[in-house]
Protein backbone atom coordinates (compact mmCIF):
# COMPACT_ATOMS: atom_id res chain seq x y z
CA UNK A 1 103.98 83.74 86.80
CA UNK A 2 101.41 85.42 89.01
CA UNK A 3 102.49 87.92 91.66
CA UNK A 4 101.90 86.71 95.21
CA UNK A 5 99.39 89.01 97.01
CA UNK A 6 98.14 89.36 100.57
CA UNK A 7 95.50 91.69 101.92
CA UNK A 8 94.30 92.49 105.37
CA UNK A 9 91.96 95.07 106.92
CA UNK A 10 92.98 96.83 110.07
CA UNK A 11 91.62 99.69 112.22
CA UNK A 12 93.75 102.46 113.64
CA UNK A 13 93.58 102.06 117.42
CA UNK A 14 96.01 104.57 118.92
CA UNK A 15 94.39 107.84 120.12
CA UNK A 16 96.38 110.18 117.98
CA UNK A 17 96.00 108.22 114.79
CA UNK A 18 98.52 107.81 112.04
CA UNK A 19 100.64 110.90 112.83
CA UNK A 20 104.33 111.24 112.01
CA UNK A 21 105.78 108.73 114.52
CA UNK A 22 103.52 105.76 113.71
CA UNK A 23 103.65 106.54 110.02
CA UNK A 24 107.44 106.46 110.24
CA UNK A 25 107.38 103.15 112.09
CA UNK A 26 105.09 101.75 109.39
CA UNK A 27 107.33 102.97 106.52
CA UNK A 28 110.49 101.65 108.25
CA UNK A 29 108.94 98.21 108.72
CA UNK A 30 107.43 98.12 105.18
CA UNK A 31 110.81 99.02 103.68
CA UNK A 32 112.36 95.89 105.12
CA UNK A 33 110.31 93.73 102.72
CA UNK A 34 110.81 93.19 99.01
CA UNK A 35 107.08 93.29 98.25
CA UNK A 36 105.22 96.43 97.20
CA UNK A 37 102.96 97.71 100.03
CA UNK A 38 99.94 99.86 99.49
CA UNK A 39 97.51 101.20 102.13
CA UNK A 40 93.94 102.43 101.34
CA UNK A 41 91.37 104.04 103.55
CA UNK A 42 88.35 101.74 103.45
CA UNK A 43 85.89 102.80 100.73
CA UNK A 44 87.66 105.97 99.76
CA UNK A 45 90.76 107.48 98.28
CA UNK A 46 93.74 106.42 96.26
CA UNK A 47 96.13 103.85 97.64
CA UNK A 48 99.13 105.21 99.53
CA UNK A 49 102.62 103.78 99.03
CA UNK A 50 103.36 102.01 102.33
CA UNK A 51 107.09 102.75 101.88
CA UNK A 52 106.64 106.55 101.54
CA UNK A 53 106.25 108.63 104.66
CA UNK A 54 104.55 111.51 102.83
CA UNK A 55 102.11 109.13 101.10
CA UNK A 56 101.24 107.52 104.45
CA UNK A 57 100.69 110.88 106.16
CA UNK A 58 98.35 112.03 103.35
CA UNK A 59 95.94 109.22 104.42
CA UNK A 60 95.04 111.37 107.36
CA UNK A 61 93.91 108.21 109.32
CA UNK A 62 92.59 109.12 112.73
CA UNK A 63 91.63 106.70 115.48
CA UNK A 64 88.91 104.37 114.27
CA UNK A 65 89.83 104.66 110.59
CA UNK A 66 89.64 101.32 108.73
CA UNK A 67 92.56 100.65 106.38
CA UNK A 68 93.35 97.93 103.87
CA UNK A 69 97.00 96.86 103.74
CA UNK A 70 97.94 95.09 100.53
CA UNK A 71 101.26 93.42 99.76
CA UNK A 72 102.32 92.26 96.30
CA UNK A 73 105.54 90.31 95.90
CA UNK A 74 107.59 87.38 97.22
CA UNK A 75 107.25 88.14 100.93
CA UNK A 76 103.85 89.79 100.87
CA UNK A 77 102.26 87.44 103.46
CA UNK A 78 105.05 88.14 106.01
CA UNK A 79 104.89 91.88 105.25
CA UNK A 80 101.17 92.27 105.56
CA UNK A 81 101.15 90.18 108.70
CA UNK A 82 103.92 92.22 110.43
CA UNK A 83 102.37 95.57 109.39
CA UNK A 84 98.93 94.54 110.55
CA UNK A 85 100.28 93.50 113.92
CA UNK A 86 102.02 96.88 114.23
CA UNK A 87 98.74 98.69 113.62
CA UNK A 88 96.78 96.32 115.93
CA UNK A 89 99.30 97.13 118.73
CA UNK A 90 98.51 100.83 118.34
CA UNK A 91 102.08 101.41 117.22
CA UNK A 92 103.03 100.74 120.86
CA UNK A 93 101.75 104.22 121.82
CA UNK A 94 98.89 103.42 124.21
């Protein structure tokens, strides 16, 4: 049986980028889902584990950075949708 996948591209909108607080919010939300979550900077770098704070911080995503969020698992659509919305809201910082 094929694993259900969902992918969405987002752009970091908050002024300070993906620093500790928004990365923590992302990890907390991602951890609520059963699906595996990976995040990749567009056109460069290894995928980060969306459920690992250290992995997310290593992305060093500043304002304007394009990211690809990929979910793989039973609730991947819901996970990617919720995480994309969080990023689109600027992590409620601005």
